[in-house]
Amino acid sequence: MIRSAAILAASFLACISVAQADDAAIRKALEPKLGGVRIDAILPTPIPGLFEVQFRTPEGVEVIYSDSTGNYAIQGSIYDFRADRNLTEERLRKLNVVKFDALPLDLAVKIQRGNGKRVLAMFSDPYCPYCQQFEKTLQQIDDVTVYVFMYPIIRPQNADHSKAVWCSPDRAKAWLDLALQSKRPAAAATCDNPVEKVLELGRSLRVNSTPTLILANGERIAGGLPVSDLRDLLDQVAGAPSAKKR
């Protein structure tokens, strides 16, 4: 799939030779094709003749790539194979940052392992298969503090299970039992709990999938990550040397 995208990009680039983008022409050509949204910015990419076009959607900032006139466009990711990096994914994380310090962490279940120096917030549904798989990945990460915003959108009829986690004497254990083993908490879901507030928070932040991760630097990641990539990102954000061996 990546190889096909690379071949397509190479074929496309062979057809263009203009070095600078015509912003007005790109806007005129692409905005109607994008449903009339306003293009926020047009920037050069590392590939000569290819430009990043930024625009906003209800889900957040998105990007596509265009030639200098807007006559040709590519939707997909740019990969730097030399550095083993998905440049588009990295760009989207930066364009959709969330102010981590502004997150109401008192509404989250706090789970700490080791010294907890690496920090991560996560919107998660205990009945989301991808969330369950990512919880297993998180078990392999030490020296981390995870703030879990319980976000029951997959099976909203089971929202009481998340509420019961909050009402449990040990919220961290109750969450892990539910997320990893589908073991419903014994506590009654009758105490004051933040689940409805978290649902409102998620909607305000345009969280439309689970898990959604927010790193300490505010970068947002939709979906889980392999354990090596997660360690790498957490170390980078924490200012520690990368733990990933290339």
C-alpha atoms as a PDB file:
ATOM      1  CA  MET A   1       0.000   0.000   0.000  1.00  0.00           C
ATOM      2  CA  ILE A   2       2.793   2.402   0.948  1.00  0.00           C
ATOM      3  CA  ARG A   3       4.754   1.378  -2.117  1.00  0.00           C
ATOM      4  CA  SER A   4       1.740   2.084  -4.343  1.00  0.00           C
ATOM      5  CA  ALA A   5       1.354   5.525  -2.765  1.00  0.00           C
ATOM      6  CA  ALA A   6       5.034   6.226  -3.331  1.00  0.00           C
ATOM      7  CA  ILE A   7       4.777   5.195  -7.000  1.00  0.00           C
ATOM      8  CA  LEU A   8       1.701   7.378  -7.430  1.00  0.00           C
ATOM      9  CA  ALA A   9       3.479  10.335  -5.822  1.00  0.00           C
ATOM     10  CA  ALA A  10       6.528   9.805  -8.039  1.00  0.00           C
ATOM     11  CA  SER A  11       4.367   9.696 -11.179  1.00  0.00           C
ATOM     12  CA  PHE A  12       2.571  12.841 -10.077  1.00  0.00           C
ATOM     13  CA  LEU A  13       5.761  14.735  -9.333  1.00  0.00           C
ATOM     14  CA  ALA A  14       7.205  13.818 -12.698  1.00  0.00           C
ATOM     15  CA  CYS A  15       4.391  15.834 -14.304  1.00  0.00           C
ATOM     16  CA  ILE A  16       5.022  19.084 -12.436  1.00  0.00           C
ATOM     17  CA  SER A  17       7.905  21.487 -12.571  1.00  0.00           C
ATOM     18  CA  VAL A  18       6.619  24.723 -11.056  1.00  0.00           C
ATOM     19  CA  ALA A  19       8.666  25.674  -7.979  1.00  0.00           C
ATOM     20  CA  GLN A  20       6.279  28.059  -6.239  1.00  0.00           C
ATOM     21  CA  ALA A  21       2.643  27.698  -5.346  1.00  0.00           C
ATOM     22  CA  ASP A  22       0.004  30.102  -6.643  1.00  0.00           C
ATOM     23  CA  ASP A  23      -2.006  30.448  -3.437  1.00  0.00           C
ATOM     24  CA  ALA A  24      -4.963  32.160  -5.118  1.00  0.00           C
ATOM     25  CA  ALA A  25      -5.140  29.510  -7.847  1.00  0.00           C
ATOM     26  CA  ILE A  26      -4.971  26.655  -5.337  1.00  0.00           C
ATOM     27  CA  ARG A  27      -7.708  28.188  -3.203  1.00  0.00           C
ATOM     28  CA  LYS A  28      -9.921  28.823  -6.232  1.00  0.00           C
ATOM     29  CA  ALA A  29      -9.446  25.287  -7.534  1.00  0.00           C
ATOM     30  CA  LEU A  30      -9.652  23.310  -4.301  1.00  0.00           C
ATOM     31  CA  GLU A  31     -12.071  25.097  -1.959  1.00  0.00           C
ATOM     32  CA  PRO A  32     -15.148  24.144  -4.047  1.00  0.00           C
ATOM     33  CA  LYS A  33     -13.887  20.540  -4.185  1.00  0.00           C
ATOM     34  CA  LEU A  34     -13.523  20.529  -0.390  1.00  0.00           C
ATOM     35  CA  GLY A  35     -17.185  21.369   0.118  1.00  0.00           C
ATOM     36  CA  GLY A  36     -16.612  25.096   0.272  1.00  0.00           C
ATOM     37  CA  VAL A  37     -14.387  25.042   3.368  1.00  0.00           C
ATOM     38  CA  ARG A  38     -11.836  27.806   3.740  1.00  0.00           C
ATOM     39  CA  ILE A  39      -8.206  26.843   3.201  1.00  0.00           C
ATOM     40  CA  ASP A  40      -6.205  28.078   6.191  1.00  0.00           C
ATOM     41  CA  ALA A  41      -2.661  27.749   4.876  1.00  0.00           C
ATOM     42  CA  ILE A  42      -0.604  26.545   1.919  1.00  0.00           C
ATOM     43  CA  LEU A  43       2.962  25.521   2.704  1.00  0.00           C
ATOM     44  CA  PRO A  44       5.799  23.810   0.820  1.00  0.00           C
ATOM     45  CA  THR A  45       6.610  20.191   1.657  1.00  0.00           C
ATOM     46  CA  PRO A  46      10.040  18.529   1.545  1.00  0.00           C
ATOM     47  CA  ILE A  47       9.102  17.294  -1.953  1.00  0.00           C
ATOM     48  CA  PRO A  48       9.807  19.918  -4.630  1.00  0.00           C
ATOM     49  CA  GLY A  49       6.631  21.130  -6.324  1.00  0.00           C
ATOM     50  CA  LEU A  50       4.273  19.583  -3.759  1.00  0.00           C
ATOM     51  CA  PHE A  51       2.407  21.780  -1.286  1.00  0.00           C
ATOM     52  CA  GLU A  52       0.576  21.118   1.968  1.00  0.00           C
ATOM     53  CA  VAL A  53      -2.965  22.490   2.001  1.00  0.00           C
ATOM     54  CA  GLN A  54      -4.496  22.928   5.462  1.00  0.00           C
ATOM     55  CA  PHE A  55      -8.243  23.227   6.118  1.00  0.00           C
ATOM     56  CA  ARG A  56     -10.601  22.754   9.043  1.00  0.00           C
ATOM     57  CA  THR A  57     -13.317  20.136   9.409  1.00  0.00           C
ATOM     58  CA  PRO A  58     -15.629  19.274  12.317  1.00  0.00           C
ATOM     59  CA  GLU A  59     -13.019  16.653  13.282  1.00  0.00           C
ATOM     60  CA  GLY A  60     -10.139  19.171  13.323  1.00  0.00           C
ATOM     61  CA  VAL A  61      -7.436  20.365  10.943  1.00  0.00           C
ATOM     62  CA  GLU A  62      -6.821  18.152   7.904  1.00  0.00           C
ATOM     63  CA  VAL A  63      -4.287  18.320   5.089  1.00  0.00           C
ATOM     64  CA  ILE A  64      -4.106  17.298   1.454  1.00  0.00           C
ATOM     65  CA  TYR A  65      -1.308  17.882  -1.038  1.00  0.00           C
ATOM     66  CA  SER A  66      -1.469  19.897  -4.245  1.00  0.00           C
ATOM     67  CA  ASP A  67       0.641  20.939  -7.187  1.00  0.00           C
ATOM     68  CA  SER A  68       1.380  24.662  -7.569  1.00  0.00           C
ATOM     69  CA  THR A  69      -1.879  25.362  -9.425  1.00  0.00           C
ATOM     70  CA  GLY A  70      -4.445  23.262  -7.604  1.00  0.00           C
ATOM     71  CA  ASN A  71      -5.159  21.214 -10.722  1.00  0.00           C
ATOM     72  CA  TYR A  72      -3.826  18.031  -9.124  1.00  0.00           C
ATOM     73  CA  ALA A  73      -4.169  16.883  -5.530  1.00  0.00           C
ATOM     74  CA  ILE A  74      -3.139  13.886  -3.454  1.00  0.00           C
ATOM     75  CA  GLN A  75      -4.926  12.657  -0.344  1.00  0.00           C
ATOM     76  CA  GLY A  76      -2.760  10.459   1.830  1.00  0.00           C
ATOM     77  CA  SER A  77       0.490  10.382   3.780  1.00  0.00           C
ATOM     78  CA  ILE A  78       4.037  11.421   2.978  1.00  0.00           C
ATOM     79  CA  TYR A  79       6.620   8.957   4.294  1.00  0.00           C
ATOM     80  CA  ASP A  80      10.303   9.688   4.868  1.00  0.00           C
ATOM     81  CA  PHE A  81      11.685   6.192   4.389  1.00  0.00           C
ATOM     82  CA  ARG A  82      15.224   7.225   5.291  1.00  0.00           C
ATOM     83  CA  ALA A  83      14.153   8.320   8.765  1.00  0.00           C
ATOM     84  CA  ASP A  84      11.232   5.845   9.029  1.00  0.00           C
ATOM     85  CA  ARG A  85       8.758   8.667   9.686  1.00  0.00           C
ATOM     86  CA  ASN A  86       5.193   9.380   8.639  1.00  0.00           C
ATOM     87  CA  LEU A  87       5.509  13.119   8.039  1.00  0.00           C
ATOM     88  CA  THR A  88       1.777  13.640   7.528  1.00  0.00           C
ATOM     89  CA  GLU A  89       0.887  11.963  10.808  1.00  0.00           C
ATOM     90  CA  GLU A  90       3.475  14.076  12.653  1.00  0.00           C
ATOM     91  CA  ARG A  91       2.119  17.223  11.026  1.00  0.00           C
ATOM     92  CA  LEU A  92      -1.485  16.484  11.964  1.00  0.00           C
ATOM     93  CA  ARG A  93      -0.494  15.894  15.581  1.00  0.00           C
ATOM     94  CA  LYS A  94       1.036  19.363  15.701  1.00  0.00           C
ATOM     95  CA  LEU A  95      -1.858  21.045  13.905  1.00  0.00           C
ATOM     96  CA  ASN A  96      -4.434  19.567  16.291  1.00  0.00           C
ATOM     97  CA  VAL A  97      -2.709  20.208  19.594  1.00  0.00           C
ATOM     98  CA  VAL A  98      -4.669  20.406  22.838  1.00  0.00           C
ATOM     99  CA  LYS A  99      -3.493  22.476  25.792  1.00  0.00           C
ATOM    100  CA  PHE A 100      -2.608  19.661  28.166  1.00  0.00           C
ATOM    101  CA  ASP A 101      -2.459  21.967  31.185  1.00  0.00           C
ATOM    102  CA  ALA A 102      -6.033  23.034  30.466  1.00  0.00           C
ATOM    103  CA  LEU A 103      -7.407  19.490  30.588  1.00  0.00           C
ATOM    104  CA  PRO A 104      -9.609  18.886  33.652  1.00  0.00           C
ATOM    105  CA  LEU A 105      -7.517  16.004  34.949  1.00  0.00           C
ATOM    106  CA  ASP A 106      -9.668  15.793  38.066  1.00  0.00           C
ATOM    107  CA  LEU A 107     -12.312  14.193  35.810  1.00  0.00           C
ATOM    108  CA  ALA A 108      -9.948  11.377  34.821  1.00  0.00           C
ATOM    109  CA  VAL A 109      -8.982   8.091  36.428  1.00  0.00           C
ATOM    110  CA  LYS A 110      -5.296   8.374  37.328  1.00  0.00           C
ATOM    111  CA  ILE A 111      -3.102   5.318  36.810  1.00  0.00           C
ATOM    112  CA  GLN A 112       0.574   5.538  37.758  1.00  0.00           C
ATOM    113  CA  ARG A 113       3.345   3.008  37.266  1.00  0.00           C
ATOM    114  CA  GLY A 114       6.922   3.452  38.413  1.00  0.00           C
ATOM    115  CA  ASN A 115       7.949   7.048  38.950  1.00  0.00           C
ATOM    116  CA  GLY A 116       5.180   8.306  36.641  1.00  0.00           C
ATOM    117  CA  LYS A 117       7.442  10.909  35.010  1.00  0.00           C
ATOM    118  CA  ARG A 118       6.062  10.315  31.509  1.00  0.00           C
ATOM    119  CA  VAL A 119       2.509  11.597  31.165  1.00  0.00           C
ATOM    120  CA  LEU A 120      -0.344  10.687  28.859  1.00  0.00           C
ATOM    121  CA  ALA A 121      -4.063  11.479  28.739  1.00  0.00           C
ATOM    122  CA  MET A 122      -6.455   9.135  26.975  1.00  0.00           C
ATOM    123  CA  PHE A 123     -10.109   9.117  25.984  1.00  0.00           C
ATOM    124  CA  SER A 124     -11.102   5.462  26.143  1.00  0.00           C
ATOM    125  CA  ASP A 125     -14.187   3.273  26.035  1.00  0.00           C
ATOM    126  CA  PRO A 126     -13.872  -0.013  27.965  1.00  0.00           C
ATOM    127  CA  TYR A 127     -15.892  -1.810  25.278  1.00  0.00           C
ATOM    128  CA  CYS A 128     -13.858  -0.526  22.329  1.00  0.00           C
ATOM    129  CA  PRO A 129     -11.739  -3.448  20.957  1.00  0.00           C
ATOM    130  CA  TYR A 130      -8.929  -1.082  19.968  1.00  0.00           C
ATOM    131  CA  CYS A 131      -8.963   0.440  23.463  1.00  0.00           C
ATOM    132  CA  GLN A 132      -8.766  -3.017  25.014  1.00  0.00           C
ATOM    133  CA  GLN A 133      -5.799  -3.877  22.818  1.00  0.00           C
ATOM    134  CA  PHE A 134      -4.083  -0.580  23.622  1.00  0.00           C
ATOM    135  CA  GLU A 135      -4.559  -1.180  27.358  1.00  0.00           C
ATOM    136  CA  LYS A 136      -2.463  -4.320  26.905  1.00  0.00           C
ATOM    137  CA  THR A 137       0.198  -2.190  25.227  1.00  0.00           C
ATOM    138  CA  LEU A 138       0.144   0.274  28.117  1.00  0.00           C
ATOM    139  CA  GLN A 139       0.888  -2.552  30.547  1.00  0.00           C
ATOM    140  CA  GLN A 140       4.328  -2.780  28.917  1.00  0.00           C
ATOM    141  CA  ILE A 141       5.140   0.877  29.666  1.00  0.00           C
ATOM    142  CA  ASP A 142       6.722   1.716  33.019  1.00  0.00           C
ATOM    143  CA  ASP A 143       7.405   5.096  34.653  1.00  0.00           C
ATOM    144  CA  VAL A 144       4.203   6.560  33.250  1.00  0.00           C
ATOM    145  CA  THR A 145       1.127   8.376  34.511  1.00  0.00           C
ATOM    146  CA  VAL A 146      -2.004   7.806  32.447  1.00  0.00           C
ATOM    147  CA  TYR A 147      -5.082   9.979  32.905  1.00  0.00           C
ATOM    148  CA  VAL A 148      -8.054   8.011  31.574  1.00  0.00           C
ATOM    149  CA  PHE A 149     -11.078  10.030  30.505  1.00  0.00           C
ATOM    150  CA  MET A 150     -13.810   7.400  30.456  1.00  0.00           C
ATOM    151  CA  TYR A 151     -15.664   7.971  27.192  1.00  0.00           C
ATOM    152  CA  PRO A 152     -18.446   5.374  26.778  1.00  0.00           C
ATOM    153  CA  ILE A 153     -19.543   5.963  23.196  1.00  0.00           C
ATOM    154  CA  ILE A 154     -19.295   2.428  21.768  1.00  0.00           C
ATOM    155  CA  ARG A 155     -21.939   0.973  24.079  1.00  0.00           C
ATOM    156  CA  PRO A 156     -23.600   4.004  25.681  1.00  0.00           C
ATOM    157  CA  GLN A 157     -26.112   1.682  27.334  1.00  0.00           C
ATOM    158  CA  ASN A 158     -23.207   0.457  29.474  1.00  0.00           C
ATOM    159  CA  ALA A 159     -22.172   3.923  30.648  1.00  0.00           C
ATOM    160  CA  ASP A 160     -23.092   2.845  34.196  1.00  0.00           C
ATOM    161  CA  HIS A 161     -20.074   0.529  34.146  1.00  0.00           C
ATOM    162  CA  SER A 162     -17.778   3.528  33.717  1.00  0.00           C
ATOM    163  CA  LYS A 163     -19.703   5.377  36.406  1.00  0.00           C
ATOM    164  CA  ALA A 164     -19.205   2.385  38.714  1.00  0.00           C
ATOM    165  CA  VAL A 165     -15.454   2.601  38.115  1.00  0.00           C
ATOM    166  CA  TRP A 166     -15.533   6.125  39.508  1.00  0.00           C
ATOM    167  CA  CYS A 167     -17.543   4.962  42.509  1.00  0.00           C
ATOM    168  CA  SER A 168     -15.046   2.176  43.300  1.00  0.00           C
ATOM    169  CA  PRO A 169     -12.608   2.453  46.253  1.00  0.00           C
ATOM    170  CA  ASP A 170      -9.672   1.844  43.863  1.00  0.00           C
ATOM    171  CA  ARG A 171     -10.578   3.528  40.600  1.00  0.00           C
ATOM    172  CA  ALA A 172      -7.369   2.557  38.804  1.00  0.00           C
ATOM    173  CA  LYS A 173      -7.856  -1.145  39.564  1.00  0.00           C
ATOM    174  CA  ALA A 174     -11.552  -0.989  38.701  1.00  0.00           C
ATOM    175  CA  TRP A 175     -10.775   0.609  35.336  1.00  0.00           C
ATOM    176  CA  LEU A 176      -8.088  -1.924  34.452  1.00  0.00           C
ATOM    177  CA  ASP A 177     -10.327  -4.827  35.465  1.00  0.00           C
ATOM    178  CA  LEU A 178     -13.072  -3.473  33.217  1.00  0.00           C
ATOM    179  CA  ALA A 179     -10.852  -2.489  30.275  1.00  0.00           C
ATOM    180  CA  LEU A 180      -8.629  -5.575  30.291  1.00  0.00           C
ATOM    181  CA  GLN A 181     -11.015  -8.279  31.503  1.00  0.00           C
ATOM    182  CA  SER A 182     -14.503  -6.807  30.919  1.00  0.00           C
ATOM    183  CA  LYS A 183     -15.003  -7.309  34.677  1.00  0.00           C
ATOM    184  CA  ARG A 184     -17.771  -4.986  35.792  1.00  0.00           C
ATOM    185  CA  PRO A 185     -17.050  -3.114  39.045  1.00  0.00           C
ATOM    186  CA  ALA A 186     -18.888  -4.288  42.124  1.00  0.00           C
ATOM    187  CA  ALA A 187     -19.583  -0.709  43.219  1.00  0.00           C
ATOM    188  CA  ALA A 188     -22.966   0.836  42.516  1.00  0.00           C
ATOM    189  CA  ALA A 189     -23.028   3.575  39.900  1.00  0.00           C
ATOM    190  CA  THR A 190     -24.769   5.988  42.263  1.00  0.00           C
ATOM    191  CA  CYS A 191     -22.028   8.377  43.417  1.00  0.00           C
ATOM    192  CA  ASP A 192     -21.343  11.764  41.866  1.00  0.00           C
ATOM    193  CA  ASN A 193     -19.272  10.989  38.760  1.00  0.00           C
ATOM    194  CA  PRO A 194     -17.798  12.904  35.818  1.00  0.00           C
ATOM    195  CA  VAL A 195     -18.862  10.650  32.939  1.00  0.00           C
ATOM    196  CA  GLU A 196     -21.376  13.102  31.450  1.00  0.00           C
ATOM    197  CA  LYS A 197     -18.879  15.951  31.815  1.00  0.00           C
ATOM    198  CA  VAL A 198     -16.245  13.845  30.053  1.00  0.00           C
ATOM    199  CA  LEU A 199     -18.658  13.181  27.188  1.00  0.00           C
ATOM    200  CA  GLU A 200     -19.180  16.941  26.868  1.00  0.00           C
ATOM    201  CA  LEU A 201     -15.419  17.508  27.042  1.00  0.00           C
ATOM    202  CA  GLY A 202     -14.772  14.946  24.326  1.00  0.00           C
ATOM    203  CA  ARG A 203     -17.339  16.510  22.031  1.00  0.00           C
ATOM    204  CA  SER A 204     -15.843  19.967  22.596  1.00  0.00           C
ATOM    205  CA  LEU A 205     -12.392  18.599  21.654  1.00  0.00           C
ATOM    206  CA  ARG A 206     -13.809  16.758  18.617  1.00  0.00           C
ATOM    207  CA  VAL A 207     -12.888  13.340  19.989  1.00  0.00           C
ATOM    208  CA  ASN A 208     -14.646  11.081  17.493  1.00  0.00           C
ATOM    209  CA  SER A 209     -12.787   7.805  17.998  1.00  0.00           C
ATOM    210  CA  THR A 210     -11.306   5.779  20.801  1.00  0.00           C
ATOM    211  CA  PRO A 211      -8.680   5.541  21.957  1.00  0.00           C
ATOM    212  CA  THR A 212      -7.630   9.158  21.439  1.00  0.00           C
ATOM    213  CA  LEU A 213      -4.314   9.980  23.083  1.00  0.00           C
ATOM    214  CA  ILE A 214      -3.077  13.408  24.157  1.00  0.00           C
ATOM    215  CA  LEU A 215       0.627  13.720  24.892  1.00  0.00           C
ATOM    216  CA  ALA A 216       2.041  16.100  27.485  1.00  0.00           C
ATOM    217  CA  ASN A 217       3.009  18.531  24.705  1.00  0.00           C
ATOM    218  CA  GLY A 218      -0.596  18.626  23.506  1.00  0.00           C
ATOM    219  CA  GLU A 219      -0.157  16.485  20.411  1.00  0.00           C
ATOM    220  CA  ARG A 220      -3.171  14.318  19.686  1.00  0.00           C
ATOM    221  CA  ILE A 221      -3.130  10.768  18.300  1.00  0.00           C
ATOM    222  CA  ALA A 222      -6.277   9.029  17.128  1.00  0.00           C
ATOM    223  CA  GLY A 223      -5.864   5.309  17.712  1.00  0.00           C
ATOM    224  CA  GLY A 224      -3.327   3.249  19.597  1.00  0.00           C
ATOM    225  CA  LEU A 225       0.375   2.793  18.899  1.00  0.00           C
ATOM    226  CA  PRO A 226       2.817  -0.109  18.985  1.00  0.00           C
ATOM    227  CA  VAL A 227       4.711  -0.235  22.254  1.00  0.00           C
ATOM    228  CA  SER A 228       8.067   0.825  20.722  1.00  0.00           C
ATOM    229  CA  ASP A 229       6.515   3.878  19.038  1.00  0.00           C
ATOM    230  CA  LEU A 230       4.678   4.826  22.212  1.00  0.00           C
ATOM    231  CA  ARG A 231       7.866   4.630  24.282  1.00  0.00           C
ATOM    232  CA  ASP A 232       9.640   6.712  21.654  1.00  0.00           C
ATOM    233  CA  LEU A 233       7.043   9.472  21.747  1.00  0.00           C
ATOM    234  CA  LEU A 234       6.763   9.526  25.534  1.00  0.00           C
ATOM    235  CA  ASP A 235      10.552   9.771  25.841  1.00  0.00           C
ATOM    236  CA  GLN A 236      10.742  12.555  23.276  1.00  0.00           C
ATOM    237  CA  VAL A 237       8.064  14.590  25.009  1.00  0.00           C
ATOM    238  CA  ALA A 238       9.613  13.980  28.428  1.00  0.00           C
ATOM    239  CA  GLY A 239      12.997  15.107  27.077  1.00  0.00           C
ATOM    240  CA  ALA A 240      14.605  11.713  27.544  1.00  0.00           C
ATOM    241  CA  PRO A 241      16.753   9.980  24.897  1.00  0.00           C
ATOM    242  CA  SER A 242      14.746   7.819  22.519  1.00  0.00           C
ATOM    243  CA  ALA A 243      14.409   4.270  23.713  1.00  0.00           C
ATOM    244  CA  LYS A 244      13.668   2.951  20.253  1.00  0.00           C
ATOM    245  CA  LYS A 245      16.603   1.243  18.546  1.00  0.00           C
ATOM    246  CA  ARG A 246      16.733   1.713  14.836  1.00  0.00           C
END
